[in-house]
């Protein structure tokens, strides 16, 4: 869910992201077409990734140590 400040000028609007998925979508939308790159560097990060949303979901244990780059560009 995003909260948007009230203004008539879209360039002056400030979006306040309240969830991680919204943040990812917002970043991708803003960077697409700008040949942008986001670089994340992880050092011994460990994450238990659920297979679903239920209480009884299985989890995969991921260990991330390295760099993740997210780039955006328009298709030819």
PDB file of N, CA and C in Angstrom:
ATOM      1  N   UNK A   1       0.843  -1.162   0.000  1.00  0.00           N
ATOM      2  CA  UNK A   1       0.000   0.000   0.000  1.00  0.00           C
ATOM      3  C   UNK A   1       0.892   1.228   0.000  1.00  0.00           C
ATOM      4  N   UNK A   2       0.588   2.196  -0.847  1.00  0.00           N
ATOM      5  CA  UNK A   2       1.318   3.455  -0.879  1.00  0.00           C
ATOM      6  C   UNK A   2       0.414   4.573  -0.420  1.00  0.00           C
ATOM      7  N   UNK A   3       0.999   5.494   0.307  1.00  0.00           N
ATOM      8  CA  UNK A   3       0.299   6.701   0.701  1.00  0.00           C
ATOM      9  C   UNK A   3       0.850   7.820  -0.158  1.00  0.00           C
ATOM     10  N   UNK A   4      -0.012   8.581  -0.794  1.00  0.00           N
ATOM     11  CA  UNK A   4       0.419   9.625  -1.699  1.00  0.00           C
ATOM     12  C   UNK A   4      -0.009  10.969  -1.141  1.00  0.00           C
ATOM     13  N   UNK A   5       0.946  11.927  -1.113  1.00  0.00           N
ATOM     14  CA  UNK A   5       0.574  13.258  -0.649  1.00  0.00           C
ATOM     15  C   UNK A   5      -0.350  13.899  -1.662  1.00  0.00           C
ATOM     16  N   UNK A   6      -1.211  14.786  -1.200  1.00  0.00           N
ATOM     17  CA  UNK A   6      -2.204  15.419  -2.058  1.00  0.00           C
ATOM     18  C   UNK A   6      -1.622  16.665  -2.712  1.00  0.00           C
ATOM     19  N   UNK A   7      -1.475  16.653  -4.045  1.00  0.00           N
ATOM     20  CA  UNK A   7      -1.039  17.799  -4.823  1.00  0.00           C
ATOM     21  C   UNK A   7      -1.495  17.600  -6.253  1.00  0.00           C
ATOM     22  N   UNK A   8      -1.697  18.675  -6.969  1.00  0.00           N
ATOM     23  CA  UNK A   8      -2.127  18.570  -8.355  1.00  0.00           C
ATOM     24  C   UNK A   8      -0.972  18.264  -9.295  1.00  0.00           C
ATOM     25  N   UNK A   9       0.241  18.636  -8.911  1.00  0.00           N
ATOM     26  CA  UNK A   9       1.403  18.445  -9.767  1.00  0.00           C
ATOM     27  C   UNK A   9       2.013  17.073  -9.506  1.00  0.00           C
ATOM     28  N   UNK A  10       1.981  16.152 -10.511  1.00  0.00           N
ATOM     29  CA  UNK A  10       2.523  14.806 -10.276  1.00  0.00           C
ATOM     30  C   UNK A  10       4.010  14.810  -9.939  1.00  0.00           C
ATOM     31  N   UNK A  11       4.765  15.826 -10.392  1.00  0.00           N
ATOM     32  CA  UNK A  11       6.187  15.895 -10.086  1.00  0.00           C
ATOM     33  C   UNK A  11       6.441  16.216  -8.615  1.00  0.00           C
ATOM     34  N   UNK A  12       5.459  16.805  -7.940  1.00  0.00           N
ATOM     35  CA  UNK A  12       5.621  17.176  -6.540  1.00  0.00           C
ATOM     36  C   UNK A  12       5.044  16.144  -5.583  1.00  0.00           C
ATOM     37  N   UNK A  13       4.423  15.094  -6.121  1.00  0.00           N
ATOM     38  CA  UNK A  13       3.844  14.069  -5.244  1.00  0.00           C
ATOM     39  C   UNK A  13       4.948  13.298  -4.538  1.00  0.00           C
ATOM     40  N   UNK A  14       4.706  12.967  -3.303  1.00  0.00           N
ATOM     41  CA  UNK A  14       5.648  12.164  -2.525  1.00  0.00           C
ATOM     42  C   UNK A  14       4.945  10.864  -2.166  1.00  0.00           C
ATOM     43  N   UNK A  15       5.492   9.754  -2.644  1.00  0.00           N
ATOM     44  CA  UNK A  15       4.930   8.443  -2.319  1.00  0.00           C
ATOM     45  C   UNK A  15       5.625   7.905  -1.074  1.00  0.00           C
ATOM     46  N   UNK A  16       4.840   7.424  -0.131  1.00  0.00           N
ATOM     47  CA  UNK A  16       5.367   6.799   1.065  1.00  0.00           C
ATOM     48  C   UNK A  16       5.013   5.323   1.001  1.00  0.00           C
ATOM     49  N   UNK A  17       6.009   4.486   0.825  1.00  0.00           N
ATOM     50  CA  UNK A  17       5.805   3.056   0.699  1.00  0.00           C
ATOM     51  C   UNK A  17       5.721   2.431   2.071  1.00  0.00           C
ATOM     52  N   UNK A  18       4.756   1.526   2.241  1.00  0.00           N
ATOM     53  CA  UNK A  18       4.556   0.917   3.553  1.00  0.00           C
ATOM     54  C   UNK A  18       4.861  -0.581   3.576  1.00  0.00           C
ATOM     55  N   UNK A  19       5.164  -1.198   2.425  1.00  0.00           N
ATOM     56  CA  UNK A  19       5.510  -2.627   2.403  1.00  0.00           C
ATOM     57  C   UNK A  19       6.715  -2.846   1.501  1.00  0.00           C
ATOM     58  N   UNK A  20       7.439  -3.940   1.730  1.00  0.00           N
ATOM     59  CA  UNK A  20       8.601  -4.264   0.893  1.00  0.00           C
ATOM     60  C   UNK A  20       8.215  -4.521  -0.555  1.00  0.00           C
ATOM     61  N   UNK A  21       7.148  -5.264  -0.846  1.00  0.00           N
ATOM     62  CA  UNK A  21       6.768  -5.447  -2.257  1.00  0.00           C
ATOM     63  C   UNK A  21       6.445  -4.122  -2.946  1.00  0.00           C
ATOM     64  N   UNK A  22       5.761  -3.222  -2.254  1.00  0.00           N
ATOM     65  CA  UNK A  22       5.467  -1.912  -2.839  1.00  0.00           C
ATOM     66  C   UNK A  22       6.743  -1.137  -3.113  1.00  0.00           C
ATOM     67  N   UNK A  23       7.716  -1.259  -2.217  1.00  0.00           N
ATOM     68  CA  UNK A  23       8.992  -0.579  -2.420  1.00  0.00           C
ATOM     69  C   UNK A  23       9.683  -1.098  -3.676  1.00  0.00           C
ATOM     70  N   UNK A  24       9.717  -2.408  -3.845  1.00  0.00           N
ATOM     71  CA  UNK A  24      10.359  -2.992  -5.019  1.00  0.00           C
ATOM     72  C   UNK A  24       9.657  -2.557  -6.306  1.00  0.00           C
ATOM     73  N   UNK A  25       8.343  -2.584  -6.311  1.00  0.00           N
ATOM     74  CA  UNK A  25       7.578  -2.178  -7.494  1.00  0.00           C
ATOM     75  C   UNK A  25       7.817  -0.702  -7.792  1.00  0.00           C
ATOM     76  N   UNK A  26       7.796   0.122  -6.762  1.00  0.00           N
ATOM     77  CA  UNK A  26       7.995   1.554  -6.936  1.00  0.00           C
ATOM     78  C   UNK A  26       9.383   1.860  -7.491  1.00  0.00           C
ATOM     79  N   UNK A  27      10.408   1.204  -6.948  1.00  0.00           N
ATOM     80  CA  UNK A  27      11.767   1.413  -7.457  1.00  0.00           C
ATOM     81  C   UNK A  27      11.877   1.003  -8.918  1.00  0.00           C
ATOM     82  N   UNK A  28      11.337  -0.155  -9.259  1.00  0.00           N
ATOM     83  CA  UNK A  28      11.404  -0.630 -10.636  1.00  0.00           C
ATOM     84  C   UNK A  28      10.687   0.340 -11.575  1.00  0.00           C
ATOM     85  N   UNK A  29       9.484   0.778 -11.189  1.00  0.00           N
ATOM     86  CA  UNK A  29       8.724   1.718 -12.015  1.00  0.00           C
ATOM     87  C   UNK A  29       9.478   3.027 -12.227  1.00  0.00           C
ATOM     88  N   UNK A  30      10.104   3.529 -11.182  1.00  0.00           N
ATOM     89  CA  UNK A  30      10.809   4.815 -11.290  1.00  0.00           C
ATOM     90  C   UNK A  30      12.105   4.694 -12.091  1.00  0.00           C
ATOM     91  N   UNK A  31      12.729   3.532 -12.085  1.00  0.00           N
ATOM     92  CA  UNK A  31      14.023   3.387 -12.743  1.00  0.00           C
ATOM     93  C   UNK A  31      13.932   2.869 -14.167  1.00  0.00           C
ATOM     94  N   UNK A  32      12.833   2.226 -14.528  1.00  0.00           N
ATOM     95  CA  UNK A  32      12.692   1.688 -15.872  1.00  0.00           C
ATOM     96  C   UNK A  32      12.769   2.822 -16.881  1.00  0.00           C
ATOM     97  N   UNK A  33      13.560   2.600 -17.924  1.00  0.00           N
ATOM     98  CA  UNK A  33      13.718   3.610 -18.967  1.00  0.00           C
ATOM     99  C   UNK A  33      14.784   4.632 -18.660  1.00  0.00           C
ATOM    100  N   UNK A  34      15.440   4.502 -17.540  1.00  0.00           N
ATOM    101  CA  UNK A  34      16.486   5.458 -17.163  1.00  0.00           C
ATOM    102  C   UNK A  34      17.862   4.804 -17.152  1.00  0.00           C
ATOM    103  N   UNK A  35      17.931   3.561 -17.621  1.00  0.00           N
ATOM    104  CA  UNK A  35      19.191   2.805 -17.637  1.00  0.00           C
ATOM    105  C   UNK A  35      19.868   2.845 -16.268  1.00  0.00           C
ATOM    106  N   UNK A  36      19.086   2.628 -15.239  1.00  0.00           N
ATOM    107  CA  UNK A  36      19.580   2.717 -13.873  1.00  0.00           C
ATOM    108  C   UNK A  36      20.060   1.359 -13.384  1.00  0.00           C
ATOM    109  N   UNK A  37      20.867   1.387 -12.356  1.00  0.00           N
ATOM    110  CA  UNK A  37      21.338   0.162 -11.731  1.00  0.00           C
ATOM    111  C   UNK A  37      21.331   0.346 -10.225  1.00  0.00           C
ATOM    112  N   UNK A  38      20.825  -0.673  -9.533  1.00  0.00           N
ATOM    113  CA  UNK A  38      20.868  -0.712  -8.075  1.00  0.00           C
ATOM    114  C   UNK A  38      21.775  -1.879  -7.711  1.00  0.00           C
ATOM    115  N   UNK A  39      22.710  -1.639  -6.817  1.00  0.00           N
ATOM    116  CA  UNK A  39      23.637  -2.688  -6.394  1.00  0.00           C
ATOM    117  C   UNK A  39      23.463  -2.941  -4.903  1.00  0.00           C
ATOM    118  N   UNK A  40      23.234  -4.203  -4.567  1.00  0.00           N
ATOM    119  CA  UNK A  40      23.139  -4.618  -3.171  1.00  0.00           C
ATOM    120  C   UNK A  40      24.334  -5.506  -2.883  1.00  0.00           C
ATOM    121  N   UNK A  41      25.012  -5.261  -1.780  1.00  0.00           N
ATOM    122  CA  UNK A  41      26.130  -6.110  -1.382  1.00  0.00           C
ATOM    123  C   UNK A  41      25.790  -6.767  -0.052  1.00  0.00           C
ATOM    124  N   UNK A  42      25.950  -8.091  -0.008  1.00  0.00           N
ATOM    125  CA  UNK A  42      25.612  -8.863   1.180  1.00  0.00           C
ATOM    126  C   UNK A  42      26.844  -9.562   1.705  1.00  0.00           C
ATOM    127  N   UNK A  43      26.941  -9.619   3.015  1.00  0.00           N
ATOM    128  CA  UNK A  43      28.039 -10.341   3.640  1.00  0.00           C
ATOM    129  C   UNK A  43      27.448 -11.294   4.667  1.00  0.00           C
ATOM    130  N   UNK A  44      27.482 -12.571   4.345  1.00  0.00           N
ATOM    131  CA  UNK A  44      26.962 -13.631   5.227  1.00  0.00           C
ATOM    132  C   UNK A  44      25.531 -13.367   5.691  1.00  0.00           C
ATOM    133  N   UNK A  45      24.674 -12.949   4.768  1.00  0.00           N
ATOM    134  CA  UNK A  45      23.264 -12.738   5.096  1.00  0.00           C
ATOM    135  C   UNK A  45      22.538 -14.074   4.993  1.00  0.00           C
ATOM    136  N   UNK A  46      21.717 -14.387   5.976  1.00  0.00           N
ATOM    137  CA  UNK A  46      20.963 -15.625   5.960  1.00  0.00           C
ATOM    138  C   UNK A  46      19.474 -15.308   6.027  1.00  0.00           C
ATOM    139  N   UNK A  47      18.711 -15.992   5.164  1.00  0.00           N
ATOM    140  CA  UNK A  47      17.275 -15.750   5.067  1.00  0.00           C
ATOM    141  C   UNK A  47      16.557 -17.089   4.980  1.00  0.00           C
ATOM    142  N   UNK A  48      15.464 -17.228   5.718  1.00  0.00           N
ATOM    143  CA  UNK A  48      14.593 -18.389   5.580  1.00  0.00           C
ATOM    144  C   UNK A  48      13.435 -17.971   4.692  1.00  0.00           C
ATOM    145  N   UNK A  49      13.393 -18.523   3.474  1.00  0.00           N
ATOM    146  CA  UNK A  49      12.403 -18.128   2.476  1.00  0.00           C
ATOM    147  C   UNK A  49      11.239 -19.113   2.523  1.00  0.00           C
ATOM    148  N   UNK A  50      10.031 -18.609   2.820  1.00  0.00           N
ATOM    149  CA  UNK A  50       8.872 -19.506   2.910  1.00  0.00           C
ATOM    150  C   UNK A  50       8.393 -19.949   1.531  1.00  0.00           C
ATOM    151  N   UNK A  51       7.833 -21.154   1.480  1.00  0.00           N
ATOM    152  CA  UNK A  51       7.285 -21.677   0.230  1.00  0.00           C
ATOM    153  C   UNK A  51       5.862 -21.171  -0.016  1.00  0.00           C
ATOM    154  N   UNK A  52       5.274 -20.549   0.984  1.00  0.00           N
ATOM    155  CA  UNK A  52       3.912 -20.032   0.875  1.00  0.00           C
ATOM    156  C   UNK A  52       3.629 -19.080   2.011  1.00  0.00           C
ATOM    157  N   UNK A  53       2.364 -18.703   2.131  1.00  0.00           N
ATOM    158  CA  UNK A  53       2.005 -17.716   3.150  1.00  0.00           C
ATOM    159  C   UNK A  53       1.381 -18.315   4.403  1.00  0.00           C
ATOM    160  N   UNK A  54       1.098 -19.583   4.401  1.00  0.00           N
ATOM    161  CA  UNK A  54       0.450 -20.208   5.554  1.00  0.00           C
ATOM    162  C   UNK A  54       1.397 -20.434   6.707  1.00  0.00           C
ATOM    163  N   UNK A  55       0.814 -20.697   7.888  1.00  0.00           N
ATOM    164  CA  UNK A  55       1.614 -20.948   9.085  1.00  0.00           C
ATOM    165  C   UNK A  55       2.459 -22.210   8.972  1.00  0.00           C
ATOM    166  N   UNK A  56       2.005 -23.169   8.154  1.00  0.00           N
ATOM    167  CA  UNK A  56       2.710 -24.445   8.033  1.00  0.00           C
ATOM    168  C   UNK A  56       3.602 -24.504   6.797  1.00  0.00           C
ATOM    169  N   UNK A  57       3.965 -23.366   6.225  1.00  0.00           N
ATOM    170  CA  UNK A  57       4.802 -23.337   5.011  1.00  0.00           C
ATOM    171  C   UNK A  57       6.209 -23.844   5.314  1.00  0.00           C
ATOM    172  N   UNK A  58       6.753 -24.614   4.380  1.00  0.00           N
ATOM    173  CA  UNK A  58       8.150 -25.034   4.477  1.00  0.00           C
ATOM    174  C   UNK A  58       9.032 -23.824   4.178  1.00  0.00           C
ATOM    175  N   UNK A  59      10.274 -23.877   4.678  1.00  0.00           N
ATOM    176  CA  UNK A  59      11.207 -22.780   4.452  1.00  0.00           C
ATOM    177  C   UNK A  59      12.509 -23.307   3.864  1.00  0.00           C
ATOM    178  N   UNK A  60      13.031 -22.579   2.905  1.00  0.00           N
ATOM    179  CA  UNK A  60      14.356 -22.869   2.357  1.00  0.00           C
ATOM    180  C   UNK A  60      15.328 -21.894   3.025  1.00  0.00           C
ATOM    181  N   UNK A  61      16.447 -22.394   3.475  1.00  0.00           N
ATOM    182  CA  UNK A  61      17.450 -21.552   4.121  1.00  0.00           C
ATOM    183  C   UNK A  61      18.444 -21.095   3.063  1.00  0.00           C
ATOM    184  N   UNK A  62      18.502 -19.789   2.827  1.00  0.00           N
ATOM    185  CA  UNK A  62      19.425 -19.220   1.844  1.00  0.00           C
ATOM    186  C   UNK A  62      20.524 -18.468   2.574  1.00  0.00           C
ATOM    187  N   UNK A  63      21.725 -18.601   2.064  1.00  0.00           N
ATOM    188  CA  UNK A  63      22.866 -17.824   2.555  1.00  0.00           C
ATOM    189  C   UNK A  63      23.376 -17.021   1.376  1.00  0.00           C
ATOM    190  N   UNK A  64      23.442 -15.719   1.545  1.00  0.00           N
ATOM    191  CA  UNK A  64      23.851 -14.835   0.465  1.00  0.00           C
ATOM    192  C   UNK A  64      25.140 -14.131   0.878  1.00  0.00           C
ATOM    193  N   UNK A  65      26.150 -14.255   0.030  1.00  0.00           N
ATOM    194  CA  UNK A  65      27.428 -13.607   0.277  1.00  0.00           C
ATOM    195  C   UNK A  65      27.951 -13.144  -1.074  1.00  0.00           C
ATOM    196  N   UNK A  66      27.701 -11.897  -1.404  1.00  0.00           N
ATOM    197  CA  UNK A  66      28.133 -11.401  -2.700  1.00  0.00           C
ATOM    198  C   UNK A  66      27.330 -10.193  -3.122  1.00  0.00           C
ATOM    199  N   UNK A  67      27.249  -9.987  -4.418  1.00  0.00           N
ATOM    200  CA  UNK A  67      26.619  -8.783  -4.972  1.00  0.00           C
ATOM    201  C   UNK A  67      25.430  -9.166  -5.839  1.00  0.00           C
ATOM    202  N   UNK A  68      24.364  -8.403  -5.692  1.00  0.00           N
ATOM    203  CA  UNK A  68      23.176  -8.532  -6.531  1.00  0.00           C
ATOM    204  C   UNK A  68      22.972  -7.193  -7.225  1.00  0.00           C
ATOM    205  N   UNK A  69      22.920  -7.207  -8.553  1.00  0.00           N
ATOM    206  CA  UNK A  69      22.692  -5.973  -9.302  1.00  0.00           C
ATOM    207  C   UNK A  69      21.355  -6.059 -10.012  1.00  0.00           C
ATOM    208  N   UNK A  70      20.552  -5.019  -9.865  1.00  0.00           N
ATOM    209  CA  UNK A  70      19.263  -4.919 -10.539  1.00  0.00           C
ATOM    210  C   UNK A  70      19.396  -3.771 -11.540  1.00  0.00           C
ATOM    211  N   UNK A  71      19.230  -4.084 -12.820  1.00  0.00           N
ATOM    212  CA  UNK A  71      19.330  -3.045 -13.839  1.00  0.00           C
ATOM    213  C   UNK A  71      18.014  -2.953 -14.592  1.00  0.00           C
ATOM    214  N   UNK A  72      17.730  -1.769 -15.077  1.00  0.00           N
ATOM    215  CA  UNK A  72      16.523  -1.571 -15.867  1.00  0.00           C
ATOM    216  C   UNK A  72      16.890  -0.934 -17.185  1.00  0.00           C
ATOM    217  N   UNK A  73      16.200  -1.333 -18.235  1.00  0.00           N
ATOM    218  CA  UNK A  73      16.386  -0.708 -19.545  1.00  0.00           C
ATOM    219  C   UNK A  73      15.159  -0.998 -20.377  1.00  0.00           C
ATOM    220  N   UNK A  74      14.918  -0.164 -21.361  1.00  0.00           N
ATOM    221  CA  UNK A  74      13.796  -0.386 -22.248  1.00  0.00           C
ATOM    222  C   UNK A  74      14.180  -1.427 -23.281  1.00  0.00           C
ATOM    223  N   UNK A  75      13.191  -2.259 -23.660  1.00  0.00           N
ATOM    224  CA  UNK A  75      13.435  -3.278 -24.681  1.00  0.00           C
ATOM    225  C   UNK A  75      13.551  -2.621 -26.046  1.00  0.00           C
ATOM    226  N   UNK A  76      14.413  -3.206 -26.868  1.00  0.00           N
ATOM    227  CA  UNK A  76      14.561  -2.699 -28.249  1.00  0.00           C
ATOM    228  C   UNK A  76      13.372  -3.034 -29.090  1.00  0.00           C
TER     229      UNK A  76
END
